[in-house]
Each structure stands twice: as structure tokens, then as C-alpha cells.
């Protein structure tokens, strides 16, 4: 199997072109889990399959978490696969990518910078409370697309110097909180300045913190924009893997566009000989 390995702000992915490979869909979860396992294989946060478009898209993106579970969408993954589509001739400088959560539109800014329009928020709850270990944790809750990709948004003052073990345990507990019917990605954030945010995300399906999360970043900025804490224009979000930029378009009280901009990095191209498969 031929592959590309890419990352977007440190969020890393293995990409396989099934238009060429012709593999059966039932094989993808096992392939994802095997290839994404560090040390034993290539290692990655997620596995993406390029497949035939079923509607108006240039191609279809199937996303799998590192544990083999299906993901509705991935913002940094979408930016990377947009670059893949452009550089392999599947699309032009504007990319139309079909995802499980709906159509995503990408745009090539330069060789490494790509901008995607994330799936629109279908659920926004600014004031949800999670009860964890007898303690109330106030948070926002957002779902992007349909079916919705779920994100919890938690303010954590002093995030830059927070106890990582404590955050990990809380992230794991919140991920499975019964009030989040699909489970949730958990995004901790702190304000660094005007339109400047620090974020750290515990990802469902990875079951750990990742260096960046594009849909999580979009969800955090959605909540902060709705709360009036950021302008929604060129909001800079620092994550362990780098900085992403989010723009929010609104009409009255409705979000009509959510855009994510950031770097892509092509790490390797090659052929997989993993004997475990």
C-alpha cells in the first residue's frame, strides 16, 4: 500500500488513496489501528482514506481515529488531505471534500498553508455543567456538522502551567461524561490576550492529548465568540504543536461560516510493508 504521512500543527495522519488501492471498507478500522500504533508501525493520531466522491465533492475523506473507531471529521486532517488532493491532481486550488459530517471546502493559500471551512455548528450550548467526582465542571458544548462531531470546552485558568496528570484524568472523565451522549473531545483553554487563546485537547478515539485539534480549536472559538470574549476575526489559538487561526462569520445570532487556517507538513511518502496486516 502506498501512503503519505502528514501533520497539521503536529496533529499527524497517514493517508491512503483507495481510488488506487481498491481495499474493502471493512478493512479500514484494522488498518487504522495497526498503522497508527507507535513503535510497532508508522504511528499517527489518525488514518485518512481518499475514496470516490458520492456527491458534488472532488473526493471523499474517510477518517479513523488511532483506535480504529470512525471519526465524523477532523479539521487538521481536512487541511492535510486538501493539500494531498491538490498535489495529486484530484482537485484544484479550491478543494471540495466529502466527509461523514458533511461537505468541507478547502483553499490553498500557499505551498504549506491551507484554509478549510469547517462543518457549521449544529449544537451550541454555552452553559452545560458536568459532574465529575462530586465536583461541578462548567463547560460549553458544541457539535460540528451532521452527524455532529462533539466537543466540550472548559476554561482552565493557568493552563500553561497546569498539572498534566490532573488534566489527563479530568479529560478522560469528561470524555465519557453521561451528559455528552456521543462522548466528547475535551478542549481546555485559557485567554492569553485579545483574540489570543491557549488550548490543549484530549481527543476521543486517541484517548490522550494531541499536539493540535482543528475542530476543537473551531469549537473553542465558537464558544468564546458567542460569549463575547473574542471578536471571531483572526483569533490566534496556540496549541502544543503550533498556532492555528479561526474566523467566525455570523448573521444575526447564527454562525454561517467557521474557518480554520494553519500549516501542513508533508513528512514522508512511501510504501507500507507492515507484516501485521
C-alpha atoms as a PDB file:
ATOM      1  CA  UNK A   1       0.000   0.000   0.000  1.00  0.00           C
ATOM      2  CA  UNK A   2       1.292   3.436  -0.874  1.00  0.00           C
ATOM      3  CA  UNK A   3       0.934   6.167   1.742  1.00  0.00           C
ATOM      4  CA  UNK A   4       1.630   9.764   2.634  1.00  0.00           C
ATOM      5  CA  UNK A   5       2.325  10.856   6.193  1.00  0.00           C
ATOM      6  CA  UNK A   6       1.464  14.460   7.042  1.00  0.00           C
ATOM      7  CA  UNK A   7       0.829  16.634  10.048  1.00  0.00           C
ATOM      8  CA  UNK A   8      -1.043  19.844  10.661  1.00  0.00           C
ATOM      9  CA  UNK A   9       0.421  21.748  13.622  1.00  0.00           C
ATOM     10  CA  UNK A  10       1.688  18.433  14.983  1.00  0.00           C
ATOM     11  CA  UNK A  11      -1.616  16.571  14.554  1.00  0.00           C
ATOM     12  CA  UNK A  12      -0.343  13.672  12.412  1.00  0.00           C
ATOM     13  CA  UNK A  13      -2.048  11.406   9.894  1.00  0.00           C
ATOM     14  CA  UNK A  14      -1.479   8.543   7.484  1.00  0.00           C
ATOM     15  CA  UNK A  15      -3.214   8.993   4.126  1.00  0.00           C
ATOM     16  CA  UNK A  16      -4.115   6.127   1.796  1.00  0.00           C
ATOM     17  CA  UNK A  17      -5.619   6.591  -1.662  1.00  0.00           C
ATOM     18  CA  UNK A  18      -8.287   3.935  -2.075  1.00  0.00           C
ATOM     19  CA  UNK A  19      -9.017   5.086  -5.613  1.00  0.00           C
ATOM     20  CA  UNK A  20      -5.726   3.318  -6.375  1.00  0.00           C
ATOM     21  CA  UNK A  21      -5.630   0.609  -3.700  1.00  0.00           C
ATOM     22  CA  UNK A  22      -9.229  -0.654  -4.010  1.00  0.00           C
ATOM     23  CA  UNK A  23      -9.394  -2.036  -0.483  1.00  0.00           C
ATOM     24  CA  UNK A  24     -12.706  -3.183   1.076  1.00  0.00           C
ATOM     25  CA  UNK A  25     -14.161  -0.684   3.598  1.00  0.00           C
ATOM     26  CA  UNK A  26     -14.383  -3.329   6.312  1.00  0.00           C
ATOM     27  CA  UNK A  27     -10.565  -3.465   6.353  1.00  0.00           C
ATOM     28  CA  UNK A  28     -10.092   0.192   7.275  1.00  0.00           C
ATOM     29  CA  UNK A  29     -10.586   0.029  11.082  1.00  0.00           C
ATOM     30  CA  UNK A  30      -7.954  -2.708  11.444  1.00  0.00           C
ATOM     31  CA  UNK A  31      -5.565  -0.936   9.076  1.00  0.00           C
ATOM     32  CA  UNK A  32      -6.037   2.297  11.033  1.00  0.00           C
ATOM     33  CA  UNK A  33      -5.415   0.697  14.423  1.00  0.00           C
ATOM     34  CA  UNK A  34      -2.351  -1.192  13.160  1.00  0.00           C
ATOM     35  CA  UNK A  35      -0.667   1.646  11.271  1.00  0.00           C
ATOM     36  CA  UNK A  36      -1.372   4.307  13.921  1.00  0.00           C
ATOM     37  CA  UNK A  37       0.271   2.303  16.720  1.00  0.00           C
ATOM     38  CA  UNK A  38       3.603   3.977  17.584  1.00  0.00           C
ATOM     39  CA  UNK A  39       6.763   1.877  17.784  1.00  0.00           C
ATOM     40  CA  UNK A  40       5.072  -1.122  16.146  1.00  0.00           C
ATOM     41  CA  UNK A  41       4.153   0.709  12.950  1.00  0.00           C
ATOM     42  CA  UNK A  42       4.181   4.201  11.431  1.00  0.00           C
ATOM     43  CA  UNK A  43       2.333   5.785  14.342  1.00  0.00           C
ATOM     44  CA  UNK A  44      -0.191   8.618  13.953  1.00  0.00           C
ATOM     45  CA  UNK A  45      -3.174  10.326  15.560  1.00  0.00           C
ATOM     46  CA  UNK A  46      -5.443   9.273  12.717  1.00  0.00           C
ATOM     47  CA  UNK A  47      -5.843   7.432   9.422  1.00  0.00           C
ATOM     48  CA  UNK A  48      -7.498   9.007   6.380  1.00  0.00           C
ATOM     49  CA  UNK A  49      -8.764   7.277   3.267  1.00  0.00           C
ATOM     50  CA  UNK A  50      -9.297   9.064  -0.052  1.00  0.00           C
ATOM     51  CA  UNK A  51     -12.259   7.481  -1.820  1.00  0.00           C
ATOM     52  CA  UNK A  52     -14.724   8.134  -4.614  1.00  0.00           C
ATOM     53  CA  UNK A  53     -16.999  11.133  -4.120  1.00  0.00           C
ATOM     54  CA  UNK A  54     -20.664  10.272  -3.719  1.00  0.00           C
ATOM     55  CA  UNK A  55     -21.986  13.748  -4.475  1.00  0.00           C
ATOM     56  CA  UNK A  56     -20.562  17.115  -5.509  1.00  0.00           C
ATOM     57  CA  UNK A  57     -17.157  16.700  -3.886  1.00  0.00           C
ATOM     58  CA  UNK A  58     -13.814  16.277  -5.627  1.00  0.00           C
ATOM     59  CA  UNK A  59     -13.257  13.204  -3.456  1.00  0.00           C
ATOM     60  CA  UNK A  60     -14.437  11.611  -0.237  1.00  0.00           C
ATOM     61  CA  UNK A  61     -12.490  11.576   3.027  1.00  0.00           C
ATOM     62  CA  UNK A  62     -13.000   8.714   5.472  1.00  0.00           C
ATOM     63  CA  UNK A  63     -11.451   9.391   8.863  1.00  0.00           C
ATOM     64  CA  UNK A  64     -10.484   6.835  11.502  1.00  0.00           C
ATOM     65  CA  UNK A  65      -9.086   7.518  14.952  1.00  0.00           C
ATOM     66  CA  UNK A  66      -5.942   5.734  16.079  1.00  0.00           C
ATOM     67  CA  UNK A  67      -8.023   3.150  17.961  1.00  0.00           C
ATOM     68  CA  UNK A  68      -9.793   2.197  14.720  1.00  0.00           C
ATOM     69  CA  UNK A  69     -13.043   3.976  15.532  1.00  0.00           C
ATOM     70  CA  UNK A  70     -14.743   6.118  12.909  1.00  0.00           C
ATOM     71  CA  UNK A  71     -14.449   9.898  13.266  1.00  0.00           C
ATOM     72  CA  UNK A  72     -17.035  12.232  11.794  1.00  0.00           C
ATOM     73  CA  UNK A  73     -14.425  14.752  10.665  1.00  0.00           C
ATOM     74  CA  UNK A  74     -11.028  16.196  11.549  1.00  0.00           C
ATOM     75  CA  UNK A  75     -10.084  19.816  10.920  1.00  0.00           C
ATOM     76  CA  UNK A  76      -6.316  19.431  10.716  1.00  0.00           C
ATOM     77  CA  UNK A  77      -6.794  16.201   8.807  1.00  0.00           C
ATOM     78  CA  UNK A  78      -9.014  18.026   6.340  1.00  0.00           C
ATOM     79  CA  UNK A  79      -6.351  20.688   5.791  1.00  0.00           C
ATOM     80  CA  UNK A  80      -3.765  17.978   5.124  1.00  0.00           C
ATOM     81  CA  UNK A  81      -5.998  16.000   2.786  1.00  0.00           C
ATOM     82  CA  UNK A  82      -6.823  19.193   0.881  1.00  0.00           C
ATOM     83  CA  UNK A  83      -3.113  19.569   0.184  1.00  0.00           C
ATOM     84  CA  UNK A  84      -2.983  15.913  -0.821  1.00  0.00           C
ATOM     85  CA  UNK A  85      -5.875  16.457  -3.219  1.00  0.00           C
ATOM     86  CA  UNK A  86      -4.235  19.491  -4.784  1.00  0.00           C
ATOM     87  CA  UNK A  87      -0.774  17.961  -5.143  1.00  0.00           C
ATOM     88  CA  UNK A  88      -2.071  14.687  -6.611  1.00  0.00           C
ATOM     89  CA  UNK A  89      -4.385  16.403  -9.095  1.00  0.00           C
ATOM     90  CA  UNK A  90      -7.662  15.284  -7.514  1.00  0.00           C
ATOM     91  CA  UNK A  91      -8.687  18.912  -7.026  1.00  0.00           C
ATOM     92  CA  UNK A  92      -7.682  22.451  -7.883  1.00  0.00           C
ATOM     93  CA  UNK A  93      -6.710  25.304  -5.530  1.00  0.00           C
ATOM     94  CA  UNK A  94     -10.239  25.097  -4.080  1.00  0.00           C
ATOM     95  CA  UNK A  95     -10.992  21.642  -2.703  1.00  0.00           C
ATOM     96  CA  UNK A  96     -14.438  20.117  -2.124  1.00  0.00           C
ATOM     97  CA  UNK A  97     -14.106  17.233   0.311  1.00  0.00           C
ATOM     98  CA  UNK A  98     -16.977  14.979   1.332  1.00  0.00           C
ATOM     99  CA  UNK A  99     -16.815  13.924   4.993  1.00  0.00           C
ATOM    100  CA  UNK A 100     -19.126  11.912   7.224  1.00  0.00           C
ATOM    101  CA  UNK A 101     -20.223  15.190   8.856  1.00  0.00           C
ATOM    102  CA  UNK A 102     -20.863  16.972   5.538  1.00  0.00           C
ATOM    103  CA  UNK A 103     -19.046  18.817   2.763  1.00  0.00           C
ATOM    104  CA  UNK A 104     -15.832  20.666   3.705  1.00  0.00           C
ATOM    105  CA  UNK A 105     -14.388  23.354   1.439  1.00  0.00           C
ATOM    106  CA  UNK A 106     -10.617  23.878   1.438  1.00  0.00           C
ATOM    107  CA  UNK A 107      -8.410  26.570  -0.042  1.00  0.00           C
ATOM    108  CA  UNK A 108      -4.713  26.528  -0.883  1.00  0.00           C
ATOM    109  CA  UNK A 109      -3.076  29.716   0.403  1.00  0.00           C
ATOM    110  CA  UNK A 110       0.489  28.724  -0.413  1.00  0.00           C
ATOM    111  CA  UNK A 111       2.523  25.533  -0.568  1.00  0.00           C
ATOM    112  CA  UNK A 112       2.075  24.735   3.118  1.00  0.00           C
ATOM    113  CA  UNK A 113      -0.765  26.941   4.372  1.00  0.00           C
ATOM    114  CA  UNK A 114      -4.310  25.671   3.861  1.00  0.00           C
ATOM    115  CA  UNK A 115      -7.661  27.054   4.989  1.00  0.00           C
ATOM    116  CA  UNK A 116     -10.797  24.952   5.411  1.00  0.00           C
ATOM    117  CA  UNK A 117     -14.360  25.842   6.102  1.00  0.00           C
ATOM    118  CA  UNK A 118     -15.281  23.555   8.970  1.00  0.00           C
ATOM    119  CA  UNK A 119     -18.715  21.995   9.239  1.00  0.00           C
ATOM    120  CA  UNK A 120     -21.177  24.503  10.662  1.00  0.00           C
ATOM    121  CA  UNK A 121     -22.086  24.158  14.349  1.00  0.00           C
ATOM    122  CA  UNK A 122     -25.344  22.232  14.693  1.00  0.00           C
ATOM    123  CA  UNK A 123     -25.388  22.317  18.518  1.00  0.00           C
ATOM    124  CA  UNK A 124     -24.104  25.180  20.682  1.00  0.00           C
ATOM    125  CA  UNK A 125     -24.691  25.057  24.428  1.00  0.00           C
ATOM    126  CA  UNK A 126     -22.770  27.769  26.269  1.00  0.00           C
ATOM    127  CA  UNK A 127     -23.727  26.696  29.767  1.00  0.00           C
ATOM    128  CA  UNK A 128     -23.516  22.988  30.369  1.00  0.00           C
ATOM    129  CA  UNK A 129     -22.331  21.501  33.671  1.00  0.00           C
ATOM    130  CA  UNK A 130     -20.524  18.178  34.064  1.00  0.00           C
ATOM    131  CA  UNK A 131     -20.484  16.468  37.452  1.00  0.00           C
ATOM    132  CA  UNK A 132     -17.111  14.749  37.871  1.00  0.00           C
ATOM    133  CA  UNK A 133     -16.152  13.148  41.180  1.00  0.00           C
ATOM    134  CA  UNK A 134     -18.744  15.206  43.007  1.00  0.00           C
ATOM    135  CA  UNK A 135     -17.426  18.466  41.556  1.00  0.00           C
ATOM    136  CA  UNK A 136     -19.283  20.657  39.085  1.00  0.00           C
ATOM    137  CA  UNK A 137     -17.252  21.488  35.964  1.00  0.00           C
ATOM    138  CA  UNK A 138     -18.827  24.317  33.929  1.00  0.00           C
ATOM    139  CA  UNK A 139     -18.278  23.987  30.201  1.00  0.00           C
ATOM    140  CA  UNK A 140     -19.599  24.743  26.773  1.00  0.00           C
ATOM    141  CA  UNK A 141     -20.667  22.031  24.356  1.00  0.00           C
ATOM    142  CA  UNK A 142     -20.521  22.190  20.556  1.00  0.00           C
ATOM    143  CA  UNK A 143     -21.264  19.747  17.754  1.00  0.00           C
ATOM    144  CA  UNK A 144     -19.927  20.474  14.281  1.00  0.00           C
ATOM    145  CA  UNK A 145     -21.707  19.052  11.233  1.00  0.00           C
ATOM    146  CA  UNK A 146     -24.381  16.393  10.915  1.00  0.00           C
ATOM    147  CA  UNK A 147     -23.875  13.864  12.397  1.00  0.00           C
ATOM    148  CA  UNK A 148     -22.214  16.201  14.844  1.00  0.00           C
ATOM    149  CA  UNK A 149     -18.614  15.964  15.995  1.00  0.00           C
ATOM    150  CA  UNK A 150     -18.831  16.595  19.780  1.00  0.00           C
ATOM    151  CA  UNK A 151     -16.595  18.968  21.726  1.00  0.00           C
ATOM    152  CA  UNK A 152     -16.586  20.099  25.346  1.00  0.00           C
ATOM    153  CA  UNK A 153     -14.997  23.500  26.016  1.00  0.00           C
ATOM    154  CA  UNK A 154     -13.560  24.023  29.506  1.00  0.00           C
ATOM    155  CA  UNK A 155     -11.946  27.201  30.849  1.00  0.00           C
ATOM    156  CA  UNK A 156      -8.798  26.363  32.828  1.00  0.00           C
ATOM    157  CA  UNK A 157      -7.017  29.418  34.266  1.00  0.00           C
ATOM    158  CA  UNK A 158      -3.253  28.964  34.318  1.00  0.00           C
ATOM    159  CA  UNK A 159      -3.393  26.274  31.628  1.00  0.00           C
ATOM    160  CA  UNK A 160       0.213  26.925  30.584  1.00  0.00           C
ATOM    161  CA  UNK A 161       1.449  25.675  33.968  1.00  0.00           C
ATOM    162  CA  UNK A 162      -1.315  23.190  34.726  1.00  0.00           C
ATOM    163  CA  UNK A 163      -0.666  19.767  36.239  1.00  0.00           C
ATOM    164  CA  UNK A 164      -0.691  17.447  33.203  1.00  0.00           C
ATOM    165  CA  UNK A 165      -1.680  14.372  35.229  1.00  0.00           C
ATOM    166  CA  UNK A 166      -4.656  16.212  36.679  1.00  0.00           C
ATOM    167  CA  UNK A 167      -5.721  17.454  33.243  1.00  0.00           C
ATOM    168  CA  UNK A 168      -5.360  13.983  31.758  1.00  0.00           C
ATOM    169  CA  UNK A 169      -7.565  12.409  34.427  1.00  0.00           C
ATOM    170  CA  UNK A 170     -10.170  15.152  34.077  1.00  0.00           C
ATOM    171  CA  UNK A 171     -10.060  14.946  30.278  1.00  0.00           C
ATOM    172  CA  UNK A 172     -10.630  11.199  30.394  1.00  0.00           C
ATOM    173  CA  UNK A 173     -13.528  11.585  32.838  1.00  0.00           C
ATOM    174  CA  UNK A 174     -15.179  14.373  30.839  1.00  0.00           C
ATOM    175  CA  UNK A 175     -14.736  12.443  27.593  1.00  0.00           C
ATOM    176  CA  UNK A 176     -17.143   9.784  28.937  1.00  0.00           C
ATOM    177  CA  UNK A 177     -19.469  12.083  30.899  1.00  0.00           C
ATOM    178  CA  UNK A 178     -23.039  10.843  30.527  1.00  0.00           C
ATOM    179  CA  UNK A 179     -24.223  14.339  29.639  1.00  0.00           C
ATOM    180  CA  UNK A 180     -22.261  14.093  26.378  1.00  0.00           C
ATOM    181  CA  UNK A 181     -24.296  11.473  24.509  1.00  0.00           C
ATOM    182  CA  UNK A 182     -21.570  10.644  21.969  1.00  0.00           C
ATOM    183  CA  UNK A 183     -18.663  11.079  24.313  1.00  0.00           C
ATOM    184  CA  UNK A 184     -16.710  14.242  23.602  1.00  0.00           C
ATOM    185  CA  UNK A 185     -13.348  15.669  22.728  1.00  0.00           C
ATOM    186  CA  UNK A 186     -12.336  17.832  25.680  1.00  0.00           C
ATOM    187  CA  UNK A 187     -10.766  21.230  24.979  1.00  0.00           C
ATOM    188  CA  UNK A 188      -9.170  23.103  27.887  1.00  0.00           C
ATOM    189  CA  UNK A 189      -8.452  26.763  27.184  1.00  0.00           C
ATOM    190  CA  UNK A 190      -7.112  29.939  28.762  1.00  0.00           C
ATOM    191  CA  UNK A 191      -7.088  33.517  27.474  1.00  0.00           C
ATOM    192  CA  UNK A 192      -3.644  34.926  26.692  1.00  0.00           C
ATOM    193  CA  UNK A 193      -4.766  38.318  25.374  1.00  0.00           C
ATOM    194  CA  UNK A 194      -7.146  39.951  22.943  1.00  0.00           C
ATOM    195  CA  UNK A 195      -8.121  37.338  20.330  1.00  0.00           C
ATOM    196  CA  UNK A 196      -5.311  35.117  21.610  1.00  0.00           C
ATOM    197  CA  UNK A 197      -6.100  31.756  23.206  1.00  0.00           C
ATOM    198  CA  UNK A 198      -4.125  28.825  24.615  1.00  0.00           C
ATOM    199  CA  UNK A 199      -5.688  25.387  24.127  1.00  0.00           C
ATOM    200  CA  UNK A 200      -4.967  21.770  24.986  1.00  0.00           C
ATOM    201  CA  UNK A 201      -7.225  18.970  23.717  1.00  0.00           C
ATOM    202  CA  UNK A 202      -7.916  15.444  24.966  1.00  0.00           C
ATOM    203  CA  UNK A 203      -9.157  13.616  21.867  1.00  0.00           C
ATOM    204  CA  UNK A 204     -11.808  10.946  21.816  1.00  0.00           C
ATOM    205  CA  UNK A 205     -10.535   7.946  19.822  1.00  0.00           C
ATOM    206  CA  UNK A 206      -6.911   8.820  20.523  1.00  0.00           C
ATOM    207  CA  UNK A 207      -7.610   8.738  24.274  1.00  0.00           C
ATOM    208  CA  UNK A 208      -4.826  11.148  25.009  1.00  0.00           C
ATOM    209  CA  UNK A 209      -3.791  14.738  24.440  1.00  0.00           C
ATOM    210  CA  UNK A 210      -2.758  15.555  20.873  1.00  0.00           C
ATOM    211  CA  UNK A 211      -0.468  18.336  19.727  1.00  0.00           C
ATOM    212  CA  UNK A 212      -3.363  20.085  17.986  1.00  0.00           C
ATOM    213  CA  UNK A 213      -7.050  19.630  17.203  1.00  0.00           C
ATOM    214  CA  UNK A 214      -8.615  21.672  14.400  1.00  0.00           C
ATOM    215  CA  UNK A 215     -12.278  21.020  15.131  1.00  0.00           C
ATOM    216  CA  UNK A 216     -11.553  21.549  18.827  1.00  0.00           C
ATOM    217  CA  UNK A 217      -9.993  24.908  18.035  1.00  0.00           C
ATOM    218  CA  UNK A 218     -13.041  25.859  15.971  1.00  0.00           C
ATOM    219  CA  UNK A 219     -15.333  24.801  18.808  1.00  0.00           C
ATOM    220  CA  UNK A 220     -13.420  26.806  21.423  1.00  0.00           C
ATOM    221  CA  UNK A 221     -13.529  29.956  19.292  1.00  0.00           C
ATOM    222  CA  UNK A 222     -17.230  29.365  18.599  1.00  0.00           C
ATOM    223  CA  UNK A 223     -17.980  29.363  22.325  1.00  0.00           C
ATOM    224  CA  UNK A 224     -15.734  32.357  23.051  1.00  0.00           C
ATOM    225  CA  UNK A 225     -17.243  34.344  20.187  1.00  0.00           C
ATOM    226  CA  UNK A 226     -20.755  33.613  21.405  1.00  0.00           C
ATOM    227  CA  UNK A 227     -19.754  34.664  24.922  1.00  0.00           C
ATOM    228  CA  UNK A 228     -18.266  37.918  23.589  1.00  0.00           C
ATOM    229  CA  UNK A 229     -14.754  37.075  24.790  1.00  0.00           C
ATOM    230  CA  UNK A 230     -13.157  37.185  21.324  1.00  0.00           C
ATOM    231  CA  UNK A 231     -14.040  39.068  18.142  1.00  0.00           C
ATOM    232  CA  UNK A 232     -14.281  35.957  15.965  1.00  0.00           C
ATOM    233  CA  UNK A 233     -11.854  37.514  13.472  1.00  0.00           C
ATOM    234  CA  UNK A 234      -8.306  36.169  13.075  1.00  0.00           C
ATOM    235  CA  UNK A 235      -8.386  34.557  16.513  1.00  0.00           C
ATOM    236  CA  UNK A 236      -4.972  33.020  17.232  1.00  0.00           C
ATOM    237  CA  UNK A 237      -5.050  29.702  19.084  1.00  0.00           C
ATOM    238  CA  UNK A 238      -1.772  28.333  20.438  1.00  0.00           C
ATOM    239  CA  UNK A 239      -1.545  24.573  20.910  1.00  0.00           C
ATOM    240  CA  UNK A 240       1.453  22.413  21.791  1.00  0.00           C
ATOM    241  CA  UNK A 241       2.054  21.682  18.091  1.00  0.00           C
ATOM    242  CA  UNK A 242       1.696  25.212  16.753  1.00  0.00           C
ATOM    243  CA  UNK A 243      -0.701  28.079  16.132  1.00  0.00           C
ATOM    244  CA  UNK A 244      -3.996  27.903  14.251  1.00  0.00           C
ATOM    245  CA  UNK A 245      -6.204  30.800  13.187  1.00  0.00           C
ATOM    246  CA  UNK A 246     -10.007  30.775  13.331  1.00  0.00           C
ATOM    247  CA  UNK A 247     -12.504  33.129  11.705  1.00  0.00           C
ATOM    248  CA  UNK A 248     -16.205  33.098  12.526  1.00  0.00           C
ATOM    249  CA  UNK A 249     -18.889  34.522  10.250  1.00  0.00           C
ATOM    250  CA  UNK A 250     -22.258  35.367  11.797  1.00  0.00           C
ATOM    251  CA  UNK A 251     -25.607  36.595  10.575  1.00  0.00           C
ATOM    252  CA  UNK A 252     -27.703  37.864  13.468  1.00  0.00           C
ATOM    253  CA  UNK A 253     -27.128  35.146  16.090  1.00  0.00           C
ATOM    254  CA  UNK A 254     -26.441  32.347  13.636  1.00  0.00           C
ATOM    255  CA  UNK A 255     -22.930  31.188  12.726  1.00  0.00           C
ATOM    256  CA  UNK A 256     -22.841  30.987   8.943  1.00  0.00           C
ATOM    257  CA  UNK A 257     -19.161  30.121   8.493  1.00  0.00           C
ATOM    258  CA  UNK A 258     -16.327  28.699  10.596  1.00  0.00           C
ATOM    259  CA  UNK A 259     -12.861  28.803   9.012  1.00  0.00           C
ATOM    260  CA  UNK A 260      -9.613  27.172  10.151  1.00  0.00           C
ATOM    261  CA  UNK A 261      -6.208  28.228   8.782  1.00  0.00           C
ATOM    262  CA  UNK A 262      -2.816  26.752   9.549  1.00  0.00           C
ATOM    263  CA  UNK A 263       0.279  24.916   8.372  1.00  0.00           C
ATOM    264  CA  UNK A 264       0.596  21.500   6.783  1.00  0.00           C
ATOM    265  CA  UNK A 265       3.749  19.418   6.749  1.00  0.00           C
ATOM    266  CA  UNK A 266       4.478  16.579   4.338  1.00  0.00           C
ATOM    267  CA  UNK A 267       6.661  14.163   6.305  1.00  0.00           C
ATOM    268  CA  UNK A 268       7.004  11.104   4.092  1.00  0.00           C
ATOM    269  CA  UNK A 269       5.743   9.246   1.047  1.00  0.00           C
ATOM    270  CA  UNK A 270       6.306   5.548   0.642  1.00  0.00           C
ATOM    271  CA  UNK A 271       5.012   2.023   0.652  1.00  0.00           C
ATOM    272  CA  UNK A 272       3.730   0.065   3.622  1.00  0.00           C
ATOM    273  CA  UNK A 273       5.041  -3.465   4.192  1.00  0.00           C
ATOM    274  CA  UNK A 274       3.593  -3.950   7.691  1.00  0.00           C
ATOM    275  CA  UNK A 275       3.525  -7.737   8.128  1.00  0.00           C
ATOM    276  CA  UNK A 276       0.916  -7.471  10.885  1.00  0.00           C
ATOM    277  CA  UNK A 277      -1.552  -6.686   8.085  1.00  0.00           C
END
